[in-house]
C-alpha atoms as a PDB file:
ATOM      1  CA  MET A   1     -13.014  19.228  -3.931  1.00  0.00           C
ATOM      2  CA  SER A   2     -12.846  15.566  -2.958  1.00  0.00           C
ATOM      3  CA  GLU A   3     -12.099  14.391   0.618  1.00  0.00           C
ATOM      4  CA  GLN A   4      -8.503  13.894   1.278  1.00  0.00           C
ATOM      5  CA  ILE A   5      -6.379  11.694   3.598  1.00  0.00           C
ATOM      6  CA  LEU A   6      -2.825  12.505   4.822  1.00  0.00           C
ATOM      7  CA  THR A   7      -0.696   9.455   4.523  1.00  0.00           C
ATOM      8  CA  MET A   8       1.627   8.354   7.394  1.00  0.00           C
ATOM      9  CA  ALA A   9       5.097   7.120   7.523  1.00  0.00           C
ATOM     10  CA  PRO A  10       6.482   4.676  10.165  1.00  0.00           C
ATOM     11  CA  THR A  11       9.471   6.934  10.636  1.00  0.00           C
ATOM     12  CA  GLY A  12       7.427   9.977  11.404  1.00  0.00           C
ATOM     13  CA  LYS A  13       8.247  11.713   8.122  1.00  0.00           C
ATOM     14  CA  ASN A  14       5.630  14.107   6.632  1.00  0.00           C
ATOM     15  CA  GLY A  15       2.900  12.446   4.774  1.00  0.00           C
ATOM     16  CA  THR A  16       1.270  13.104   1.469  1.00  0.00           C
ATOM     17  CA  LEU A  17      -2.297  14.362   0.844  1.00  0.00           C
ATOM     18  CA  MET A  18      -4.044  12.101  -1.466  1.00  0.00           C
ATOM     19  CA  PRO A  19      -7.699  11.714  -2.577  1.00  0.00           C
ATOM     20  CA  LEU A  20      -9.510   9.437  -0.145  1.00  0.00           C
ATOM     21  CA  ASP A  21     -11.189   7.396  -2.844  1.00  0.00           C
ATOM     22  CA  VAL A  22      -7.946   6.727  -4.469  1.00  0.00           C
ATOM     23  CA  TYR A  23      -6.365   5.690  -1.157  1.00  0.00           C
ATOM     24  CA  GLU A  24      -9.198   3.314  -0.475  1.00  0.00           C
ATOM     25  CA  GLN A  25      -9.015   1.716  -3.933  1.00  0.00           C
ATOM     26  CA  LEU A  26      -5.324   1.225  -3.723  1.00  0.00           C
ATOM     27  CA  LYS A  27      -5.456  -0.131  -0.152  1.00  0.00           C
ATOM     28  CA  GLU A  28      -8.208  -2.646  -1.235  1.00  0.00           C
ATOM     29  CA  ALA A  29      -6.203  -3.705  -4.296  1.00  0.00           C
ATOM     30  CA  ILE A  30      -3.033  -4.234  -2.243  1.00  0.00           C
ATOM     31  CA  VAL A  31      -4.837  -6.203   0.520  1.00  0.00           C
ATOM     32  CA  GLU A  32      -6.595  -8.298  -2.178  1.00  0.00           C
ATOM     33  CA  HIS A  33      -3.295  -9.479  -3.586  1.00  0.00           C
ATOM     34  CA  PHE A  34      -1.852 -10.489  -0.272  1.00  0.00           C
ATOM     35  CA  LEU A  35      -4.753 -12.947   0.053  1.00  0.00           C
ATOM     36  CA  PHE A  36      -3.405 -14.813  -2.839  1.00  0.00           C
ATOM     37  CA  GLN A  37       0.376 -14.266  -2.124  1.00  0.00           C
ATOM     38  CA  PRO A  38       1.107 -13.852   1.612  1.00  0.00           C
ATOM     39  CA  GLU A  39       4.593 -12.289   1.156  1.00  0.00           C
ATOM     40  CA  MET A  40       5.730  -9.823  -1.599  1.00  0.00           C
ATOM     41  CA  THR A  41       8.440  -7.466  -2.382  1.00  0.00           C
ATOM     42  CA  GLU A  42       7.595  -3.926  -3.474  1.00  0.00           C
ATOM     43  CA  GLU A  43       8.355  -4.976  -7.073  1.00  0.00           C
ATOM     44  CA  GLU A  44       5.871  -7.906  -6.890  1.00  0.00           C
ATOM     45  CA  ILE A  45       3.184  -5.554  -5.408  1.00  0.00           C
ATOM     46  CA  LEU A  46       3.686  -3.095  -8.271  1.00  0.00           C
ATOM     47  CA  GLN A  47       3.509  -5.961 -10.841  1.00  0.00           C
ATOM     48  CA  ASN A  48       0.238  -7.181  -9.348  1.00  0.00           C
ATOM     49  CA  LEU A  49      -1.273  -3.676  -9.179  1.00  0.00           C
ATOM     50  CA  ALA A  50      -0.361  -2.984 -12.799  1.00  0.00           C
ATOM     51  CA  LYS A  51      -2.749  -5.912 -13.772  1.00  0.00           C
ATOM     52  CA  HIS A  52      -5.492  -4.655 -11.436  1.00  0.00           C
ATOM     53  CA  PRO A  53      -8.352  -2.911 -13.462  1.00  0.00           C
ATOM     54  CA  VAL A  54      -8.884   0.022 -11.018  1.00  0.00           C
ATOM     55  CA  ALA A  55      -5.490   0.388  -9.215  1.00  0.00           C
ATOM     56  CA  SER A  56      -3.495   0.381 -12.374  1.00  0.00           C
ATOM     57  CA  VAL A  57      -4.697   3.979 -13.156  1.00  0.00           C
ATOM     58  CA  HIS A  58      -3.379   5.403  -9.887  1.00  0.00           C
ATOM     59  CA  ILE A  59      -0.065   3.394  -9.165  1.00  0.00           C
ATOM     60  CA  GLU A  60       2.222   5.840 -11.169  1.00  0.00           C
ATOM     61  CA  THR A  61       1.238   8.834  -8.877  1.00  0.00           C
ATOM     62  CA  TRP A  62       0.219   7.278  -5.608  1.00  0.00           C
ATOM     63  CA  PHE A  63       1.934   3.977  -4.997  1.00  0.00           C
ATOM     64  CA  ARG A  64       5.123   5.357  -3.350  1.00  0.00           C
ATOM     65  CA  PRO A  65       3.260   6.866  -0.354  1.00  0.00           C
ATOM     66  CA  MET A  66       1.061   3.856   0.114  1.00  0.00           C
ATOM     67  CA  LEU A  67       3.442   1.226   1.323  1.00  0.00           C
ATOM     68  CA  PRO A  68       4.815   3.223   4.250  1.00  0.00           C
ATOM     69  CA  ASP A  69       1.368   4.459   5.096  1.00  0.00           C
ATOM     70  CA  MET A  70       0.123   0.815   5.248  1.00  0.00           C
ATOM     71  CA  VAL A  71       3.000  -0.117   7.491  1.00  0.00           C
ATOM     72  CA  ALA A  72       2.322   2.831   9.711  1.00  0.00           C
ATOM     73  CA  ARG A  73      -1.285   1.944   9.964  1.00  0.00           C
ATOM     74  CA  ASP A  74      -0.539  -1.661  10.856  1.00  0.00           C
ATOM     75  CA  TYR A  75      -2.046  -3.104   7.652  1.00  0.00           C
ATOM     76  CA  LEU A  76       1.365  -4.441   6.487  1.00  0.00           C
ATOM     77  CA  GLU A  77       4.627  -5.406   8.139  1.00  0.00           C
ATOM     78  CA  VAL A  78       8.126  -5.746   6.818  1.00  0.00           C
ATOM     79  CA  VAL A  79       9.652  -9.192   7.225  1.00  0.00           C
ATOM     80  CA  GLU A  80      12.629  -8.727   9.542  1.00  0.00           C
ATOM     81  CA  GLY A  81      15.913  -9.035   7.842  1.00  0.00           C
ATOM     82  CA  SER A  82      14.616  -9.321   4.275  1.00  0.00           C
ATOM     83  CA  GLN A  83      16.586  -7.749   1.531  1.00  0.00           C
ATOM     84  CA  PRO A  84      14.919  -6.314  -0.522  1.00  0.00           C
ATOM     85  CA  ALA A  85      12.126  -5.547   1.921  1.00  0.00           C
ATOM     86  CA  VAL A  86       9.417  -8.213   1.930  1.00  0.00           C
ATOM     87  CA  TYR A  87       5.871  -7.063   3.036  1.00  0.00           C
ATOM     88  CA  ARG A  88       3.174  -9.171   4.475  1.00  0.00           C
ATOM     89  CA  LEU A  89      -0.429  -8.584   5.575  1.00  0.00           C
ATOM     90  CA  LYS A  90      -0.539  -7.853   9.224  1.00  0.00           C
ATOM     91  CA  VAL A  91      -4.238  -7.138  10.079  1.00  0.00           C
ATOM     92  CA  ILE A  92      -7.343  -6.954   7.957  1.00  0.00           C
ATOM     93  CA  ARG A  93      -9.567  -4.249   9.267  1.00  0.00           C
ATOM     94  CA  CYS A  94     -13.176  -3.957   8.063  1.00  0.00           C
END
């Protein structure tokens, strides 16, 4: 069985267990797109990931728990007052 990670949510809701390798691939793909476009809505992030050669395989199943997790882990932040929610890269951790 592959190694798993429990996603987090900024509101303290229960997370989702997902394969660590998939988590890392999606995280890397999401961060990569923010380097070219500093602020994106959820829809824009999804459109970009759909074109990504690795991430496109996993977005259907795993995208929904990723954005709240990345906010909770301080990778992304939601632009205050944005409607729909606009995300931007907060910290790049190596």
